[in-house]
Amino acid sequence: MGKEKQYWLLKTEPGESSWEDQAANNGITKWDGVKNKQAQKYLKSMNLDDLCFFYHSGAKARRVVGVVKVVRKWYSEGEDGDGAVDVKVIGEMRRPIDLKEMKGEEGLKGFALFRQPRLSVVPVSEDVWLKVCDLGGGFEGDGVVVEDDESGDEVDD
């Protein structure tokens, strides 16, 4: 019996590691450099195939821009206890969801992003995951069929 899928949010400054950077290198990136012990604990709790929102933080744009999945569980790097997980691009949000919009949604009141805004890694409940996906119209690769606005054709992402 496998472990239940978990959901997460990974925050990054676009100037340090943007969605475009994530999409390069075959879409696989080592998620490292996390120093906060609580955020490291969350990284260590991740399982293969867990899904993560890719969140741009910073002054210009605070928003969920895409989804990645865990492709390598926590591994140590060096003797200081630092480590990383590897994540791979699943798809871009069909519509990025700004922090302000999320804060205005009744169904997101308990979101850890609001309670622990300084953490770079936070857990996301399934209810919150589904609500954020709904706000953004889902993400590329989620298997949802959407209608192409220009042609009227259905597109299976």
N, C-alpha and C. Protein backbone atom coordinates (compact mmCIF):
# COMPACT_ATOMS: atom_id res chain seq x y z
N MET A 1 0.85 -1.18 0.00
CA MET A 1 0.00 0.00 0.00
C MET A 1 0.88 1.24 0.00
N GLY A 2 0.68 2.13 -0.98
CA GLY A 2 1.51 3.33 -1.11
C GLY A 2 1.09 4.42 -0.16
N LYS A 3 1.95 5.40 -0.06
CA LYS A 3 1.64 6.55 0.79
C LYS A 3 0.65 7.45 0.07
N GLU A 4 -0.19 8.11 0.86
CA GLU A 4 -1.16 9.02 0.31
C GLU A 4 -0.47 10.24 -0.29
N LYS A 5 -0.96 10.68 -1.44
CA LYS A 5 -0.37 11.85 -2.10
C LYS A 5 -0.52 13.07 -1.21
N GLN A 6 0.55 13.84 -1.16
CA GLN A 6 0.55 15.09 -0.40
C GLN A 6 0.72 16.24 -1.39
N TYR A 7 0.35 17.42 -0.93
CA TYR A 7 0.45 18.62 -1.75
C TYR A 7 1.25 19.68 -1.00
N TRP A 8 1.99 20.48 -1.76
CA TRP A 8 2.91 21.46 -1.18
C TRP A 8 2.90 22.74 -1.99
N LEU A 9 3.49 23.77 -1.42
CA LEU A 9 3.76 25.00 -2.15
C LEU A 9 5.23 25.32 -1.96
N LEU A 10 5.93 25.56 -3.05
CA LEU A 10 7.35 25.91 -3.05
C LEU A 10 7.47 27.35 -3.52
N LYS A 11 8.10 28.19 -2.69
CA LYS A 11 8.23 29.61 -3.02
C LYS A 11 9.65 29.91 -3.51
N THR A 12 9.72 30.77 -4.51
CA THR A 12 11.01 31.21 -5.02
C THR A 12 10.88 32.62 -5.57
N GLU A 13 11.96 33.36 -5.47
CA GLU A 13 12.03 34.67 -6.10
C GLU A 13 12.26 34.46 -7.58
N PRO A 14 11.48 35.08 -8.45
CA PRO A 14 11.67 34.88 -9.89
C PRO A 14 13.09 35.21 -10.36
N GLY A 15 13.76 36.15 -9.69
CA GLY A 15 15.13 36.50 -10.07
C GLY A 15 16.14 35.42 -9.71
N GLU A 16 15.79 34.56 -8.75
CA GLU A 16 16.68 33.47 -8.35
C GLU A 16 16.38 32.19 -9.11
N SER A 17 15.13 31.85 -9.22
CA SER A 17 14.70 30.65 -9.94
C SER A 17 13.28 30.86 -10.40
N SER A 18 13.11 31.16 -11.67
CA SER A 18 11.78 31.45 -12.21
C SER A 18 11.14 30.19 -12.79
N TRP A 19 9.87 30.32 -13.16
CA TRP A 19 9.18 29.21 -13.82
C TRP A 19 9.91 28.86 -15.12
N GLU A 20 10.39 29.86 -15.82
CA GLU A 20 11.12 29.62 -17.06
C GLU A 20 12.40 28.82 -16.79
N ASP A 21 13.09 29.14 -15.69
CA ASP A 21 14.29 28.38 -15.29
C ASP A 21 13.90 26.93 -14.99
N GLN A 22 12.78 26.76 -14.29
CA GLN A 22 12.31 25.42 -13.94
C GLN A 22 12.02 24.59 -15.19
N ALA A 23 11.43 25.23 -16.19
CA ALA A 23 11.06 24.51 -17.42
C ALA A 23 12.28 24.10 -18.24
N ALA A 24 13.41 24.78 -18.04
CA ALA A 24 14.64 24.40 -18.74
C ALA A 24 15.21 23.13 -18.10
N ASN A 25 16.28 22.60 -18.63
CA ASN A 25 16.94 21.42 -18.06
C ASN A 25 16.01 20.22 -17.97
N ASN A 26 15.25 19.98 -19.04
CA ASN A 26 14.27 18.90 -19.08
C ASN A 26 13.21 19.01 -17.99
N GLY A 27 13.06 20.22 -17.45
CA GLY A 27 12.05 20.45 -16.44
C GLY A 27 12.39 19.96 -15.05
N ILE A 28 13.60 19.44 -14.85
CA ILE A 28 13.98 18.91 -13.53
C ILE A 28 14.95 19.87 -12.85
N THR A 29 14.64 20.17 -11.59
CA THR A 29 15.47 21.08 -10.80
C THR A 29 15.67 20.52 -9.40
N LYS A 30 16.86 20.76 -8.90
CA LYS A 30 17.16 20.43 -7.50
C LYS A 30 16.63 21.58 -6.65
N TRP A 31 15.73 21.27 -5.71
CA TRP A 31 15.18 22.30 -4.82
C TRP A 31 16.00 22.27 -3.55
N ASP A 32 16.94 23.20 -3.47
CA ASP A 32 17.87 23.22 -2.34
C ASP A 32 17.99 24.63 -1.78
N GLY A 33 18.92 24.81 -0.86
CA GLY A 33 19.14 26.13 -0.28
C GLY A 33 18.16 26.51 0.79
N VAL A 34 17.33 25.58 1.23
CA VAL A 34 16.34 25.85 2.27
C VAL A 34 17.02 25.74 3.63
N LYS A 35 17.08 26.84 4.36
CA LYS A 35 17.78 26.87 5.64
C LYS A 35 16.87 26.75 6.85
N ASN A 36 15.64 27.22 6.73
CA ASN A 36 14.70 27.17 7.84
C ASN A 36 14.39 25.72 8.21
N LYS A 37 14.49 25.40 9.48
CA LYS A 37 14.32 24.00 9.93
C LYS A 37 12.91 23.48 9.68
N GLN A 38 11.89 24.32 9.85
CA GLN A 38 10.52 23.87 9.60
C GLN A 38 10.33 23.58 8.12
N ALA A 39 10.85 24.45 7.25
CA ALA A 39 10.74 24.23 5.81
C ALA A 39 11.52 22.98 5.40
N GLN A 40 12.68 22.74 6.02
CA GLN A 40 13.45 21.53 5.74
C GLN A 40 12.66 20.29 6.16
N LYS A 41 11.98 20.38 7.29
CA LYS A 41 11.15 19.26 7.77
C LYS A 41 10.08 18.93 6.73
N TYR A 42 9.48 19.96 6.16
CA TYR A 42 8.48 19.72 5.12
C TYR A 42 9.11 19.06 3.90
N LEU A 43 10.28 19.53 3.48
CA LEU A 43 10.96 18.91 2.34
C LEU A 43 11.24 17.43 2.62
N LYS A 44 11.67 17.13 3.83
CA LYS A 44 11.98 15.75 4.21
C LYS A 44 10.73 14.87 4.24
N SER A 45 9.55 15.50 4.37
CA SER A 45 8.29 14.76 4.41
C SER A 45 7.73 14.45 3.03
N MET A 46 8.34 15.00 2.00
CA MET A 46 7.82 14.81 0.65
C MET A 46 8.08 13.40 0.15
N ASN A 47 7.12 12.90 -0.63
CA ASN A 47 7.22 11.58 -1.24
C ASN A 47 7.26 11.72 -2.76
N LEU A 48 7.72 10.67 -3.42
CA LEU A 48 7.72 10.66 -4.88
C LEU A 48 6.31 10.91 -5.39
N ASP A 49 6.20 11.71 -6.42
CA ASP A 49 4.94 12.06 -7.09
C ASP A 49 4.05 13.01 -6.32
N ASP A 50 4.48 13.50 -5.15
CA ASP A 50 3.73 14.57 -4.50
C ASP A 50 3.72 15.77 -5.45
N LEU A 51 2.62 16.51 -5.45
CA LEU A 51 2.50 17.67 -6.31
C LEU A 51 2.75 18.95 -5.52
N CYS A 52 3.36 19.92 -6.19
CA CYS A 52 3.72 21.18 -5.54
C CYS A 52 3.33 22.35 -6.42
N PHE A 53 2.72 23.36 -5.82
CA PHE A 53 2.54 24.61 -6.53
C PHE A 53 3.89 25.30 -6.60
N PHE A 54 4.19 25.89 -7.74
CA PHE A 54 5.40 26.69 -7.94
C PHE A 54 4.96 28.13 -7.79
N TYR A 55 5.46 28.79 -6.75
CA TYR A 55 4.97 30.11 -6.35
C TYR A 55 6.07 31.14 -6.49
N HIS A 56 5.80 32.21 -7.25
CA HIS A 56 6.73 33.32 -7.35
C HIS A 56 6.47 34.27 -6.19
N SER A 57 7.50 34.53 -5.39
CA SER A 57 7.38 35.50 -4.31
C SER A 57 8.12 36.77 -4.75
N GLY A 58 8.17 37.73 -3.89
CA GLY A 58 8.86 38.98 -4.23
C GLY A 58 7.88 40.12 -4.37
N ALA A 59 8.43 41.31 -4.55
CA ALA A 59 7.62 42.52 -4.55
C ALA A 59 6.74 42.66 -5.79
N LYS A 60 7.21 42.20 -6.94
CA LYS A 60 6.47 42.43 -8.18
C LYS A 60 5.32 41.46 -8.40
N ALA A 61 5.51 40.20 -8.08
CA ALA A 61 4.48 39.21 -8.40
C ALA A 61 4.48 38.10 -7.37
N ARG A 62 3.45 38.07 -6.56
CA ARG A 62 3.27 36.98 -5.61
C ARG A 62 2.12 36.14 -6.12
N ARG A 63 2.47 34.99 -6.74
CA ARG A 63 1.40 34.20 -7.34
C ARG A 63 1.85 32.78 -7.64
N VAL A 64 0.84 31.89 -7.73
CA VAL A 64 1.07 30.52 -8.16
C VAL A 64 1.13 30.54 -9.68
N VAL A 65 2.24 30.02 -10.23
CA VAL A 65 2.42 30.07 -11.68
C VAL A 65 2.43 28.70 -12.35
N GLY A 66 2.67 27.63 -11.56
CA GLY A 66 2.73 26.31 -12.17
C GLY A 66 2.70 25.20 -11.14
N VAL A 67 2.85 23.97 -11.65
CA VAL A 67 2.83 22.78 -10.81
C VAL A 67 4.03 21.91 -11.18
N VAL A 68 4.70 21.42 -10.15
CA VAL A 68 5.81 20.47 -10.31
C VAL A 68 5.50 19.25 -9.45
N LYS A 69 6.21 18.14 -9.73
CA LYS A 69 6.05 16.97 -8.88
C LYS A 69 7.42 16.53 -8.37
N VAL A 70 7.42 15.88 -7.22
CA VAL A 70 8.65 15.39 -6.61
C VAL A 70 9.09 14.14 -7.36
N VAL A 71 10.32 14.18 -7.89
CA VAL A 71 10.86 13.02 -8.62
C VAL A 71 12.05 12.39 -7.89
N ARG A 72 12.53 13.03 -6.84
CA ARG A 72 13.57 12.45 -5.98
C ARG A 72 13.34 12.97 -4.58
N LYS A 73 13.18 12.05 -3.64
CA LYS A 73 12.96 12.41 -2.25
C LYS A 73 14.21 13.06 -1.67
N TRP A 74 14.05 13.60 -0.46
CA TRP A 74 15.12 14.30 0.26
C TRP A 74 16.42 13.51 0.20
N TYR A 75 17.48 14.20 -0.10
CA TYR A 75 18.82 13.62 -0.03
C TYR A 75 19.76 14.66 0.54
N SER A 76 20.73 14.20 1.31
CA SER A 76 21.67 15.10 1.98
C SER A 76 22.77 15.55 1.04
N GLU A 77 23.22 16.75 1.29
CA GLU A 77 24.33 17.32 0.54
C GLU A 77 25.32 17.89 1.55
N GLY A 78 26.43 17.21 1.73
CA GLY A 78 27.43 17.71 2.66
C GLY A 78 27.17 17.30 4.09
N GLU A 79 28.07 17.76 4.94
CA GLU A 79 28.03 17.36 6.35
C GLU A 79 27.21 18.29 7.23
N ASP A 80 26.76 19.41 6.67
CA ASP A 80 26.04 20.39 7.49
C ASP A 80 24.55 20.09 7.62
N GLY A 81 24.10 18.97 7.03
CA GLY A 81 22.70 18.58 7.14
C GLY A 81 21.80 19.18 6.08
N ASP A 82 22.37 20.03 5.23
CA ASP A 82 21.56 20.59 4.14
C ASP A 82 21.23 19.49 3.15
N GLY A 83 20.16 19.68 2.44
CA GLY A 83 19.75 18.69 1.47
C GLY A 83 18.83 19.29 0.44
N ALA A 84 18.19 18.41 -0.33
CA ALA A 84 17.34 18.86 -1.42
C ALA A 84 16.35 17.78 -1.80
N VAL A 85 15.37 18.18 -2.58
CA VAL A 85 14.52 17.25 -3.32
C VAL A 85 14.61 17.69 -4.77
N ASP A 86 14.36 16.77 -5.68
CA ASP A 86 14.30 17.13 -7.10
C ASP A 86 12.84 17.19 -7.52
N VAL A 87 12.51 18.22 -8.30
CA VAL A 87 11.15 18.39 -8.79
C VAL A 87 11.17 18.54 -10.30
N LYS A 88 10.07 18.13 -10.92
CA LYS A 88 9.95 18.18 -12.38
C LYS A 88 8.67 18.91 -12.77
N VAL A 89 8.77 19.70 -13.82
CA VAL A 89 7.62 20.44 -14.33
C VAL A 89 6.50 19.49 -14.74
N ILE A 90 5.29 19.81 -14.28
CA ILE A 90 4.08 19.15 -14.78
C ILE A 90 3.41 20.10 -15.78
N GLY A 91 3.16 21.33 -15.35
CA GLY A 91 2.57 22.30 -16.26
C GLY A 91 2.32 23.65 -15.63
N GLU A 92 2.20 24.62 -16.51
CA GLU A 92 1.93 25.99 -16.10
C GLU A 92 0.45 26.13 -15.76
N MET A 93 0.14 26.99 -14.80
CA MET A 93 -1.26 27.28 -14.49
C MET A 93 -1.88 27.92 -15.73
N ARG A 94 -3.12 27.57 -16.00
CA ARG A 94 -3.79 28.18 -17.15
C ARG A 94 -3.97 29.68 -16.92
N ARG A 95 -4.09 30.05 -15.65
CA ARG A 95 -4.15 31.46 -15.26
C ARG A 95 -3.45 31.58 -13.91
N PRO A 96 -2.35 32.33 -13.83
CA PRO A 96 -1.68 32.50 -12.54
C PRO A 96 -2.64 33.08 -11.50
N ILE A 97 -2.48 32.66 -10.24
CA ILE A 97 -3.36 33.11 -9.17
C ILE A 97 -2.55 33.96 -8.21
N ASP A 98 -2.92 35.23 -8.11
CA ASP A 98 -2.22 36.17 -7.23
C ASP A 98 -2.56 35.93 -5.76
N LEU A 99 -1.62 36.27 -4.90
CA LEU A 99 -1.80 36.16 -3.46
C LEU A 99 -3.05 36.92 -3.01
N LYS A 100 -3.22 38.12 -3.52
CA LYS A 100 -4.37 38.95 -3.12
C LYS A 100 -5.68 38.24 -3.45
N GLU A 101 -5.76 37.63 -4.62
CA GLU A 101 -6.96 36.90 -5.00
C GLU A 101 -7.20 35.72 -4.06
N MET A 102 -6.13 34.98 -3.75
CA MET A 102 -6.28 33.83 -2.85
C MET A 102 -6.75 34.26 -1.47
N LYS A 103 -6.21 35.37 -0.97
CA LYS A 103 -6.61 35.85 0.36
C LYS A 103 -8.07 36.25 0.41
N GLY A 104 -8.64 36.61 -0.73
CA GLY A 104 -10.05 37.01 -0.78
C GLY A 104 -11.01 35.85 -0.91
N GLU A 105 -10.51 34.63 -1.06
CA GLU A 105 -11.35 33.45 -1.24
C GLU A 105 -11.71 32.81 0.10
N GLU A 106 -12.98 32.68 0.34
CA GLU A 106 -13.47 32.09 1.60
C GLU A 106 -12.92 30.69 1.83
N GLY A 107 -12.83 29.87 0.79
CA GLY A 107 -12.39 28.49 0.93
C GLY A 107 -10.90 28.32 1.20
N LEU A 108 -10.16 29.43 1.25
CA LEU A 108 -8.72 29.34 1.48
C LEU A 108 -8.28 29.95 2.81
N LYS A 109 -9.21 30.21 3.69
CA LYS A 109 -8.91 30.93 4.94
C LYS A 109 -7.82 30.27 5.79
N GLY A 110 -7.72 28.95 5.81
CA GLY A 110 -6.73 28.30 6.66
C GLY A 110 -5.42 27.96 5.97
N PHE A 111 -5.21 28.46 4.76
CA PHE A 111 -4.04 28.13 3.95
C PHE A 111 -2.75 28.47 4.70
N ALA A 112 -1.83 27.51 4.79
CA ALA A 112 -0.56 27.71 5.50
C ALA A 112 0.26 28.86 4.92
N LEU A 113 0.09 29.16 3.65
CA LEU A 113 0.79 30.29 3.03
C LEU A 113 0.46 31.59 3.76
N PHE A 114 -0.75 31.71 4.25
CA PHE A 114 -1.16 32.92 4.96
C PHE A 114 -0.69 32.90 6.42
N ARG A 115 -0.66 31.71 7.02
CA ARG A 115 -0.27 31.58 8.44
C ARG A 115 1.23 31.63 8.63
N GLN A 116 1.98 31.12 7.65
CA GLN A 116 3.44 31.06 7.74
C GLN A 116 4.05 31.68 6.48
N PRO A 117 3.84 32.98 6.28
CA PRO A 117 4.21 33.60 5.01
C PRO A 117 5.72 33.64 4.73
N ARG A 118 6.53 33.46 5.75
CA ARG A 118 7.98 33.55 5.53
C ARG A 118 8.62 32.22 5.15
N LEU A 119 7.86 31.11 5.31
CA LEU A 119 8.41 29.80 4.97
C LEU A 119 8.43 29.61 3.46
N SER A 120 9.50 29.01 2.95
CA SER A 120 9.63 28.79 1.51
C SER A 120 8.98 27.48 1.06
N VAL A 121 8.60 26.65 2.02
CA VAL A 121 7.92 25.39 1.73
C VAL A 121 6.79 25.24 2.74
N VAL A 122 5.56 25.07 2.25
CA VAL A 122 4.42 24.88 3.16
C VAL A 122 3.53 23.77 2.63
N PRO A 123 2.89 23.04 3.54
CA PRO A 123 1.93 22.01 3.11
C PRO A 123 0.65 22.65 2.59
N VAL A 124 -0.03 21.94 1.71
CA VAL A 124 -1.29 22.40 1.14
C VAL A 124 -2.29 21.26 1.31
N SER A 125 -3.42 21.53 1.94
CA SER A 125 -4.44 20.50 2.09
C SER A 125 -5.06 20.21 0.73
N GLU A 126 -5.66 19.04 0.59
CA GLU A 126 -6.28 18.69 -0.68
C GLU A 126 -7.39 19.68 -1.06
N ASP A 127 -8.18 20.12 -0.07
CA ASP A 127 -9.25 21.08 -0.33
C ASP A 127 -8.69 22.39 -0.89
N VAL A 128 -7.62 22.87 -0.28
CA VAL A 128 -6.99 24.11 -0.76
C VAL A 128 -6.39 23.89 -2.14
N TRP A 129 -5.75 22.74 -2.34
CA TRP A 129 -5.17 22.42 -3.66
C TRP A 129 -6.24 22.51 -4.75
N LEU A 130 -7.35 21.86 -4.51
CA LEU A 130 -8.43 21.83 -5.50
C LEU A 130 -9.01 23.23 -5.74
N LYS A 131 -9.14 24.02 -4.68
CA LYS A 131 -9.68 25.37 -4.81
C LYS A 131 -8.74 26.26 -5.62
N VAL A 132 -7.44 26.19 -5.34
CA VAL A 132 -6.47 27.01 -6.07
C VAL A 132 -6.43 26.57 -7.54
N CYS A 133 -6.46 25.27 -7.78
CA CYS A 133 -6.50 24.78 -9.17
C CYS A 133 -7.75 25.30 -9.88
N ASP A 134 -8.87 25.29 -9.17
CA ASP A 134 -10.11 25.78 -9.75
C ASP A 134 -10.01 27.27 -10.09
N LEU A 135 -9.43 28.05 -9.20
CA LEU A 135 -9.27 29.49 -9.44
C LEU A 135 -8.43 29.75 -10.70
N GLY A 136 -7.42 28.92 -10.90
CA GLY A 136 -6.53 29.11 -12.03
C GLY A 136 -6.95 28.38 -13.29
N GLY A 137 -8.10 27.75 -13.26
CA GLY A 137 -8.55 27.00 -14.43
C GLY A 137 -7.75 25.73 -14.63
N GLY A 138 -7.10 25.25 -13.58
CA GLY A 138 -6.26 24.06 -13.67
C GLY A 138 -4.87 24.39 -14.20
N PHE A 139 -4.15 23.34 -14.57
CA PHE A 139 -2.79 23.52 -15.08
C PHE A 139 -2.57 22.59 -16.25
N GLU A 140 -1.66 22.97 -17.11
CA GLU A 140 -1.33 22.14 -18.26
C GLU A 140 -0.85 20.79 -17.75
N GLY A 141 -1.37 19.71 -18.33
CA GLY A 141 -0.97 18.39 -17.91
C GLY A 141 -1.86 17.78 -16.84
N ASP A 142 -2.95 18.46 -16.47
CA ASP A 142 -3.83 17.93 -15.43
C ASP A 142 -4.88 16.98 -15.97
N GLY A 143 -4.89 16.81 -17.31
CA GLY A 143 -5.83 15.88 -17.91
C GLY A 143 -7.21 16.46 -18.17
N VAL A 144 -7.41 17.73 -17.83
CA VAL A 144 -8.70 18.38 -18.04
C VAL A 144 -8.78 18.84 -19.49
N VAL A 145 -9.91 18.58 -20.11
CA VAL A 145 -10.13 19.03 -21.48
C VAL A 145 -10.66 20.46 -21.43
N VAL A 146 -9.97 21.36 -22.13
CA VAL A 146 -10.40 22.76 -22.19
C VAL A 146 -10.68 23.12 -23.63
N GLU A 147 -11.54 24.10 -23.81
CA GLU A 147 -11.88 24.53 -25.16
C GLU A 147 -10.93 25.64 -25.58
N ASP A 148 -10.37 25.52 -26.76
CA ASP A 148 -9.51 26.55 -27.33
C ASP A 148 -10.40 27.74 -27.69
N ASP A 149 -10.15 28.89 -27.08
CA ASP A 149 -11.00 30.07 -27.30
C ASP A 149 -11.07 30.50 -28.75
N GLU A 150 -9.97 30.37 -29.48
CA GLU A 150 -9.93 30.87 -30.85
C GLU A 150 -10.65 29.95 -31.83
N SER A 151 -10.39 28.65 -31.73
CA SER A 151 -10.94 27.75 -32.73
C SER A 151 -12.20 27.02 -32.29
N GLY A 152 -12.46 27.01 -30.99
CA GLY A 152 -13.59 26.26 -30.48
C GLY A 152 -13.30 24.78 -30.33
N ASP A 153 -12.07 24.36 -30.70
CA ASP A 153 -11.68 22.97 -30.58
C ASP A 153 -11.35 22.63 -29.13
N GLU A 154 -11.54 21.37 -28.79
CA GLU A 154 -11.17 20.91 -27.45
C GLU A 154 -9.70 20.56 -27.45
N VAL A 155 -9.03 20.93 -26.37
CA VAL A 155 -7.61 20.64 -26.21
C VAL A 155 -7.46 19.85 -24.93
N ASP A 156 -6.81 18.69 -24.99
CA ASP A 156 -6.57 17.87 -23.82
C ASP A 156 -5.19 18.18 -23.29
N ASP A 157 -5.13 18.83 -22.14
CA ASP A 157 -3.84 19.16 -21.54
C ASP A 157 -3.41 17.97 -20.73
